[in-house]
Amino acid sequence: MNVIAYTYEADHHCVPCALARFGQDENGWVPENAEDGESNPVGAVFEWDEWYANDAYEGNDNATLGCGTCGDVITEVDLT
């Protein structure tokens, strides 16, 4: 399984930023019991997850997933 991002604080975040904030478990992932500042569980986004909504990007050729912490591009999807 390949985690490409984590969700917390109502945004997506890259793996390095999430690990810096929550630490990592024995498998190298954010611990399952991690919670954000609003006591919500941290979610994982896997490479096969559809994190984008096609209708939300109507007219665009691609969708970009960026990190809400550092601003780096996590991944892009070609919508054409």
N, C-alpha and C. Protein backbone atom coordinates (compact mmCIF):
# COMPACT_ATOMS: atom_id res chain seq x y z
N MET A 1 0.85 -1.19 0.00
CA MET A 1 0.00 0.00 0.00
C MET A 1 0.88 1.24 0.00
N ASN A 2 0.53 2.17 -0.83
CA ASN A 2 1.33 3.37 -0.96
C ASN A 2 0.51 4.59 -0.57
N VAL A 3 0.81 5.17 0.59
CA VAL A 3 0.16 6.40 1.05
C VAL A 3 0.84 7.57 0.35
N ILE A 4 0.04 8.41 -0.32
CA ILE A 4 0.61 9.57 -1.00
C ILE A 4 0.38 10.86 -0.21
N ALA A 5 -0.60 10.84 0.69
CA ALA A 5 -0.93 12.04 1.46
C ALA A 5 -1.74 11.65 2.68
N TYR A 6 -1.89 12.60 3.58
CA TYR A 6 -2.76 12.42 4.75
C TYR A 6 -3.73 13.58 4.79
N THR A 7 -4.90 13.35 5.39
CA THR A 7 -5.89 14.41 5.56
C THR A 7 -6.04 14.73 7.04
N TYR A 8 -5.93 16.00 7.36
CA TYR A 8 -6.19 16.51 8.70
C TYR A 8 -6.31 18.02 8.61
N GLU A 9 -6.92 18.61 9.62
CA GLU A 9 -7.18 20.06 9.64
C GLU A 9 -7.89 20.50 8.35
N ALA A 10 -8.81 19.65 7.85
CA ALA A 10 -9.63 19.95 6.67
C ALA A 10 -8.80 20.25 5.42
N ASP A 11 -7.67 19.54 5.27
CA ASP A 11 -6.81 19.74 4.11
C ASP A 11 -5.99 18.48 3.87
N HIS A 12 -5.33 18.43 2.72
CA HIS A 12 -4.40 17.35 2.40
C HIS A 12 -3.00 17.81 2.76
N HIS A 13 -2.16 16.86 3.17
CA HIS A 13 -0.78 17.16 3.54
C HIS A 13 0.13 16.05 3.03
N CYS A 14 1.34 16.42 2.60
CA CYS A 14 2.28 15.42 2.10
C CYS A 14 2.75 14.53 3.25
N VAL A 15 3.30 13.39 2.89
CA VAL A 15 3.74 12.41 3.89
C VAL A 15 4.81 13.01 4.81
N PRO A 16 5.86 13.67 4.29
CA PRO A 16 6.87 14.22 5.20
C PRO A 16 6.30 15.22 6.22
N CYS A 17 5.37 16.07 5.80
CA CYS A 17 4.78 17.04 6.73
C CYS A 17 3.93 16.35 7.78
N ALA A 18 3.17 15.33 7.37
CA ALA A 18 2.35 14.59 8.32
C ALA A 18 3.20 13.84 9.33
N LEU A 19 4.28 13.22 8.87
CA LEU A 19 5.17 12.50 9.79
C LEU A 19 5.86 13.46 10.75
N ALA A 20 6.21 14.65 10.27
CA ALA A 20 6.83 15.64 11.15
C ALA A 20 5.86 16.08 12.24
N ARG A 21 4.60 16.13 11.92
CA ARG A 21 3.61 16.58 12.90
C ARG A 21 3.19 15.48 13.87
N PHE A 22 2.96 14.25 13.36
CA PHE A 22 2.38 13.19 14.19
C PHE A 22 3.34 12.06 14.54
N GLY A 23 4.52 12.05 13.96
CA GLY A 23 5.44 10.94 14.18
C GLY A 23 5.05 9.75 13.32
N GLN A 24 5.74 8.62 13.53
CA GLN A 24 5.43 7.44 12.73
C GLN A 24 5.40 6.20 13.60
N ASP A 25 4.61 5.23 13.14
CA ASP A 25 4.51 3.97 13.86
C ASP A 25 5.62 3.02 13.39
N GLU A 26 5.58 1.78 13.85
CA GLU A 26 6.62 0.80 13.50
C GLU A 26 6.65 0.45 12.02
N ASN A 27 5.57 0.76 11.28
CA ASN A 27 5.52 0.50 9.85
C ASN A 27 5.89 1.72 9.00
N GLY A 28 6.19 2.84 9.65
CA GLY A 28 6.56 4.05 8.94
C GLY A 28 5.41 4.95 8.56
N TRP A 29 4.21 4.66 9.07
CA TRP A 29 3.02 5.46 8.78
C TRP A 29 2.68 6.32 9.98
N VAL A 30 1.81 7.33 9.76
CA VAL A 30 1.26 8.10 10.87
C VAL A 30 0.48 7.12 11.75
N PRO A 31 0.65 7.18 13.07
CA PRO A 31 -0.06 6.25 13.96
C PRO A 31 -1.58 6.30 13.75
N GLU A 32 -2.22 5.14 13.84
CA GLU A 32 -3.67 5.04 13.61
C GLU A 32 -4.48 5.88 14.58
N ASN A 33 -3.97 6.13 15.77
CA ASN A 33 -4.73 6.88 16.77
C ASN A 33 -4.44 8.38 16.72
N ALA A 34 -3.72 8.85 15.71
CA ALA A 34 -3.40 10.28 15.60
C ALA A 34 -4.66 11.09 15.35
N GLU A 35 -4.74 12.25 16.01
CA GLU A 35 -5.87 13.16 15.84
C GLU A 35 -5.36 14.57 15.57
N ASP A 36 -6.12 15.31 14.77
CA ASP A 36 -5.73 16.68 14.48
C ASP A 36 -6.17 17.60 15.62
N GLY A 37 -6.02 18.88 15.44
CA GLY A 37 -6.33 19.86 16.48
C GLY A 37 -7.79 19.95 16.86
N GLU A 38 -8.67 19.34 16.05
CA GLU A 38 -10.11 19.34 16.34
C GLU A 38 -10.57 17.96 16.80
N SER A 39 -9.63 17.12 17.19
CA SER A 39 -9.89 15.74 17.66
C SER A 39 -10.47 14.84 16.58
N ASN A 40 -10.21 15.17 15.30
CA ASN A 40 -10.62 14.31 14.19
C ASN A 40 -9.48 13.35 13.87
N PRO A 41 -9.81 12.12 13.48
CA PRO A 41 -8.74 11.19 13.11
C PRO A 41 -8.03 11.63 11.83
N VAL A 42 -6.75 11.32 11.75
CA VAL A 42 -5.97 11.60 10.56
C VAL A 42 -6.28 10.51 9.54
N GLY A 43 -6.58 10.90 8.31
CA GLY A 43 -6.90 9.95 7.25
C GLY A 43 -5.75 9.78 6.29
N ALA A 44 -5.69 8.63 5.65
CA ALA A 44 -4.66 8.34 4.65
C ALA A 44 -5.27 8.39 3.26
N VAL A 45 -4.53 8.93 2.30
CA VAL A 45 -4.92 8.93 0.89
C VAL A 45 -3.94 8.01 0.17
N PHE A 46 -4.47 6.98 -0.47
CA PHE A 46 -3.64 6.02 -1.17
C PHE A 46 -3.56 6.35 -2.65
N GLU A 47 -2.57 5.81 -3.34
CA GLU A 47 -2.34 6.14 -4.75
C GLU A 47 -3.53 5.82 -5.64
N TRP A 48 -4.41 4.91 -5.25
CA TRP A 48 -5.57 4.55 -6.07
C TRP A 48 -6.83 5.34 -5.68
N ASP A 49 -6.77 6.13 -4.62
CA ASP A 49 -7.93 6.93 -4.21
C ASP A 49 -8.20 8.05 -5.20
N GLU A 50 -9.48 8.32 -5.44
CA GLU A 50 -9.87 9.46 -6.27
C GLU A 50 -10.08 10.66 -5.37
N TRP A 51 -9.04 11.44 -5.18
CA TRP A 51 -9.07 12.60 -4.29
C TRP A 51 -9.64 13.83 -4.99
N TYR A 52 -9.89 13.74 -6.26
CA TYR A 52 -10.39 14.86 -7.05
C TYR A 52 -11.82 14.57 -7.48
N ALA A 53 -12.55 15.61 -7.80
CA ALA A 53 -13.91 15.47 -8.32
C ALA A 53 -13.89 15.97 -9.76
N ASN A 54 -14.17 15.08 -10.70
CA ASN A 54 -14.09 15.46 -12.12
C ASN A 54 -14.95 16.67 -12.44
N ASP A 55 -16.19 16.72 -11.92
CA ASP A 55 -17.06 17.84 -12.24
C ASP A 55 -16.57 19.15 -11.65
N ALA A 56 -15.78 19.08 -10.57
CA ALA A 56 -15.24 20.30 -9.96
C ALA A 56 -14.14 20.91 -10.83
N TYR A 57 -13.56 20.11 -11.73
CA TYR A 57 -12.46 20.58 -12.56
C TYR A 57 -12.86 20.66 -14.03
N GLU A 58 -14.16 20.76 -14.29
CA GLU A 58 -14.64 20.81 -15.66
C GLU A 58 -13.96 21.94 -16.42
N GLY A 59 -13.44 21.60 -17.58
CA GLY A 59 -12.74 22.59 -18.39
C GLY A 59 -11.25 22.61 -18.16
N ASN A 60 -10.76 21.94 -17.12
CA ASN A 60 -9.33 21.88 -16.86
C ASN A 60 -8.77 20.56 -17.39
N ASP A 61 -7.51 20.57 -17.77
CA ASP A 61 -6.87 19.37 -18.29
C ASP A 61 -6.32 18.47 -17.19
N ASN A 62 -6.05 19.04 -16.01
CA ASN A 62 -5.53 18.22 -14.93
C ASN A 62 -5.94 18.78 -13.58
N ALA A 63 -5.77 17.94 -12.56
CA ALA A 63 -6.04 18.35 -11.18
C ALA A 63 -4.76 18.15 -10.39
N THR A 64 -4.48 19.07 -9.50
CA THR A 64 -3.26 19.02 -8.70
C THR A 64 -3.60 18.90 -7.23
N LEU A 65 -2.94 17.96 -6.56
CA LEU A 65 -3.08 17.79 -5.11
C LEU A 65 -1.86 18.41 -4.46
N GLY A 66 -2.08 19.46 -3.68
CA GLY A 66 -0.98 20.15 -3.03
C GLY A 66 -1.03 19.97 -1.52
N CYS A 67 0.11 20.15 -0.88
CA CYS A 67 0.22 20.02 0.57
C CYS A 67 -0.24 21.31 1.24
N GLY A 68 -1.14 21.18 2.21
CA GLY A 68 -1.64 22.33 2.95
C GLY A 68 -0.64 22.88 3.95
N THR A 69 0.47 22.19 4.16
CA THR A 69 1.49 22.67 5.09
C THR A 69 2.62 23.37 4.35
N CYS A 70 3.29 22.64 3.46
CA CYS A 70 4.47 23.20 2.79
C CYS A 70 4.18 23.77 1.41
N GLY A 71 3.02 23.43 0.83
CA GLY A 71 2.64 23.94 -0.48
C GLY A 71 3.18 23.16 -1.66
N ASP A 72 3.97 22.12 -1.43
CA ASP A 72 4.50 21.32 -2.52
C ASP A 72 3.39 20.55 -3.23
N VAL A 73 3.61 20.26 -4.51
CA VAL A 73 2.69 19.41 -5.27
C VAL A 73 2.92 17.96 -4.86
N ILE A 74 1.83 17.29 -4.45
CA ILE A 74 1.93 15.88 -4.06
C ILE A 74 1.78 15.00 -5.28
N THR A 75 0.77 15.27 -6.09
CA THR A 75 0.55 14.51 -7.33
C THR A 75 -0.40 15.30 -8.22
N GLU A 76 -0.45 14.89 -9.48
CA GLU A 76 -1.36 15.48 -10.44
C GLU A 76 -2.06 14.35 -11.20
N VAL A 77 -3.27 14.64 -11.68
CA VAL A 77 -4.05 13.69 -12.45
C VAL A 77 -4.45 14.36 -13.76
N ASP A 78 -4.23 13.64 -14.85
CA ASP A 78 -4.66 14.11 -16.17
C ASP A 78 -6.15 13.78 -16.33
N LEU A 79 -6.97 14.79 -16.50
CA LEU A 79 -8.42 14.61 -16.61
C LEU A 79 -8.92 14.51 -18.03
N THR A 80 -7.99 14.54 -19.00
CA THR A 80 -8.42 14.48 -20.41
C THR A 80 -8.65 13.05 -20.84
